[in-house]
Amino acid sequence: LAAAVVAPPAINGDRVYLPGADGVVRALNVSSGAELWTQALGGSIVTIAPLGSRVYVGSTDNHFYCLDDAQGRVRWRWRAGADPIGTAIADDERVYFTSLDTVVRALDRGHGAQRWRQPLPWRPRTGPLRVGNTLVSAGIAVDLRGYAMDTGRQIGEYALTENRLEVMEGPPIVIV
């Protein structure tokens, strides 16, 4: 490859997506390794999530991109206050991501308009998690917080210990 792969690759169907240090996303056929498309973005790729017919990409240029999976063209981009972090998740209407400016956002999947944003009380270490209709965000924290996926309203808080002396340093594992 022309550049180092700097974040975990992602697989969706018969495609593998490689996030490059050179700011290029490469889509390859899983079986043959043949290049299907490439797309140069503004910074090193730090996160990539193929979801349906879209590929969501976070970059060190502080943008969160939506690429068309057919040809790799940029459909829209959103400027965050800092680099996106962790893998994005989506439902039928919105895509959700966290960024190092301590914010979790919901953007419209179709055109990228911000539907809601919530500041986090800690710096995130990963992307959001979905538990039913609740979005859970984790970081170096003394609690977990849940947000309604449709409105972003905080709907729950779980203290790790009664006196809040313990700190969670990574993402929780959710078993449903």
Protein backbone atom coordinates (compact mmCIF):
# COMPACT_ATOMS: atom_id res chain seq x y z
CA LEU A 1 0.00 0.00 0.00
CA ALA A 2 1.04 3.59 -0.55
CA ALA A 3 0.58 4.47 3.15
CA ALA A 4 0.40 2.79 6.52
CA VAL A 5 -3.00 1.64 7.78
CA VAL A 6 -3.42 3.68 10.97
CA ALA A 7 -6.79 2.53 12.34
CA PRO A 8 -8.52 -0.84 12.39
CA PRO A 9 -9.74 -1.81 8.91
CA ALA A 10 -13.46 -2.43 8.51
CA ILE A 11 -15.27 -5.12 6.52
CA ASN A 12 -18.75 -4.85 5.03
CA GLY A 13 -19.94 -7.66 2.76
CA ASP A 14 -17.34 -8.29 0.06
CA ARG A 15 -15.36 -5.12 0.82
CA VAL A 16 -12.58 -4.18 3.18
CA TYR A 17 -11.90 -0.51 3.95
CA LEU A 18 -8.39 0.59 4.80
CA PRO A 19 -7.86 3.90 6.62
CA GLY A 20 -4.55 5.41 5.59
CA ALA A 21 -2.09 7.73 7.29
CA ASP A 22 -2.02 9.65 4.01
CA GLY A 23 -5.70 10.59 4.41
CA VAL A 24 -6.85 8.13 1.77
CA VAL A 25 -9.64 5.61 2.30
CA ARG A 26 -9.16 2.51 0.15
CA ALA A 27 -11.99 0.10 -0.61
CA LEU A 28 -10.76 -3.32 -1.73
CA ASN A 29 -12.48 -6.53 -2.75
CA VAL A 30 -12.05 -9.00 0.14
CA SER A 31 -11.46 -12.03 -2.08
CA SER A 32 -9.14 -10.62 -4.73
CA GLY A 33 -7.64 -7.53 -3.09
CA ALA A 34 -8.59 -5.53 -6.18
CA GLU A 35 -8.99 -1.82 -5.54
CA LEU A 36 -12.63 -0.73 -5.96
CA TRP A 37 -12.17 2.96 -5.17
CA THR A 38 -10.04 5.43 -3.21
CA GLN A 39 -10.97 8.75 -1.66
CA ALA A 40 -8.48 11.34 -0.40
CA LEU A 41 -9.65 13.31 2.64
CA GLY A 42 -8.12 16.19 4.60
CA GLY A 43 -6.18 14.34 7.30
CA SER A 44 -5.06 10.97 8.55
CA ILE A 45 -7.99 8.57 8.93
CA VAL A 46 -8.64 7.74 12.59
CA THR A 47 -11.94 5.85 12.40
CA ILE A 48 -13.99 4.14 9.72
CA ALA A 49 -17.46 2.56 9.83
CA PRO A 50 -19.21 1.12 6.75
CA LEU A 51 -22.93 1.15 7.51
CA GLY A 52 -25.28 0.14 4.72
CA SER A 53 -24.53 2.03 1.52
CA ARG A 54 -22.46 4.67 3.32
CA VAL A 55 -18.99 4.71 4.82
CA TYR A 56 -18.49 7.06 7.78
CA VAL A 57 -14.96 8.29 8.36
CA GLY A 58 -13.32 10.39 11.07
CA SER A 59 -10.17 12.30 10.19
CA THR A 60 -7.47 14.30 11.96
CA ASP A 61 -8.68 17.36 10.04
CA ASN A 62 -11.52 17.43 12.64
CA HIS A 63 -14.11 16.33 10.11
CA PHE A 64 -16.57 13.47 10.10
CA TYR A 65 -17.24 12.36 6.52
CA CYS A 66 -19.98 10.39 4.81
CA LEU A 67 -18.81 8.57 1.68
CA ASP A 68 -20.96 6.85 -0.91
CA ASP A 69 -19.99 3.18 -0.86
CA ALA A 70 -20.53 2.68 -4.60
CA GLN A 71 -17.82 5.09 -5.78
CA GLY A 72 -16.29 6.53 -2.61
CA ARG A 73 -17.32 10.11 -3.31
CA VAL A 74 -17.90 12.49 -0.39
CA ARG A 75 -21.65 12.95 0.16
CA TRP A 76 -21.24 15.37 3.07
CA ARG A 77 -18.88 16.27 5.91
CA TRP A 78 -19.31 17.73 9.38
CA ARG A 79 -16.70 19.83 11.17
CA ALA A 80 -16.29 18.78 14.79
CA GLY A 81 -14.38 20.74 17.42
CA ALA A 82 -11.70 18.02 17.52
CA ASP A 83 -10.87 14.66 15.96
CA PRO A 84 -13.65 12.07 15.91
CA ILE A 85 -12.82 9.02 18.02
CA GLY A 86 -14.06 5.45 17.98
CA THR A 87 -16.45 3.78 15.60
CA ALA A 88 -19.66 5.54 14.59
CA ILE A 89 -23.02 3.81 14.91
CA ALA A 90 -26.28 4.45 13.07
CA ASP A 91 -29.99 3.76 13.05
CA ASP A 92 -32.36 4.29 10.10
CA GLU A 93 -32.34 8.09 10.42
CA ARG A 94 -29.16 9.22 12.20
CA VAL A 95 -25.47 8.47 12.54
CA TYR A 96 -23.85 8.99 15.96
CA PHE A 97 -20.21 9.77 16.76
CA THR A 98 -18.05 11.15 19.52
CA SER A 99 -15.12 13.50 19.20
CA LEU A 100 -12.25 14.61 21.39
CA ASP A 101 -13.94 17.95 22.08
CA THR A 102 -16.02 15.88 24.56
CA VAL A 103 -19.21 15.89 22.50
CA VAL A 104 -21.48 13.15 21.19
CA ARG A 105 -23.45 14.10 18.08
CA ALA A 106 -26.35 12.78 16.01
CA LEU A 107 -26.31 13.74 12.33
CA ASP A 108 -28.94 13.08 9.69
CA ARG A 109 -27.76 10.12 7.59
CA GLY A 110 -29.13 11.62 4.39
CA HIS A 111 -27.62 15.12 4.37
CA GLY A 112 -25.46 15.44 7.50
CA ALA A 113 -27.45 18.12 9.34
CA GLN A 114 -26.90 18.00 13.08
CA ARG A 115 -29.99 16.62 14.83
CA TRP A 116 -28.62 16.98 18.34
CA ARG A 117 -25.41 17.26 20.34
CA GLN A 118 -24.61 16.58 23.97
CA PRO A 119 -21.49 17.66 25.81
CA LEU A 120 -19.89 14.84 27.78
CA PRO A 121 -18.54 15.31 31.30
CA TRP A 122 -15.41 13.35 30.37
CA ARG A 123 -13.12 12.79 27.42
CA PRO A 124 -14.39 9.88 25.30
CA ARG A 125 -12.18 6.86 24.67
CA THR A 126 -14.38 5.23 22.04
CA GLY A 127 -17.45 5.75 19.91
CA PRO A 128 -20.97 5.50 21.30
CA LEU A 129 -22.69 2.18 22.01
CA ARG A 130 -26.31 1.32 21.32
CA VAL A 131 -28.37 -0.44 23.99
CA GLY A 132 -31.95 -0.70 22.74
CA ASN A 133 -33.03 2.89 22.04
CA THR A 134 -30.36 4.32 24.31
CA LEU A 135 -26.99 5.63 23.27
CA VAL A 136 -24.28 5.02 25.87
CA SER A 137 -21.06 6.98 25.82
CA ALA A 138 -17.97 5.91 27.73
CA GLY A 139 -14.64 7.42 28.61
CA ILE A 140 -12.36 7.85 31.58
CA ALA A 141 -15.25 8.36 33.95
CA VAL A 142 -16.82 7.58 37.30
CA ASP A 143 -20.20 6.87 35.72
CA LEU A 144 -21.98 5.84 32.54
CA ARG A 145 -24.54 8.08 30.90
CA GLY A 146 -27.36 7.15 28.57
CA TYR A 147 -28.99 9.42 25.97
CA ALA A 148 -32.24 9.04 24.04
CA MET A 149 -31.25 8.29 20.46
CA ASP A 150 -34.04 10.42 18.96
CA THR A 151 -33.57 13.60 21.04
CA GLY A 152 -30.19 13.35 22.75
CA ARG A 153 -31.80 13.98 26.13
CA GLN A 154 -29.91 12.37 29.02
CA ILE A 155 -32.09 9.54 30.29
CA GLY A 156 -29.89 7.79 32.78
CA GLU A 157 -26.73 7.77 34.81
CA TYR A 158 -25.09 4.80 36.48
CA ALA A 159 -22.44 5.40 39.13
CA LEU A 160 -19.75 2.73 39.05
CA THR A 161 -19.43 2.75 42.82
CA GLU A 162 -21.49 4.36 45.54
CA ASN A 163 -18.80 6.84 46.51
CA ARG A 164 -17.57 7.36 42.90
CA LEU A 165 -13.95 6.60 43.74
CA GLU A 166 -13.39 4.06 40.96
CA VAL A 167 -12.77 5.14 37.38
CA MET A 168 -13.72 3.32 34.21
CA GLU A 169 -10.96 3.63 31.64
CA GLY A 170 -12.39 1.81 28.64
CA PRO A 171 -15.61 0.97 26.88
CA PRO A 172 -18.13 -1.22 28.62
CA ILE A 173 -19.19 -4.53 27.10
CA VAL A 174 -22.92 -4.68 26.63
CA ILE A 175 -24.72 -8.04 26.62
CA VAL A 176 -28.41 -7.99 25.77
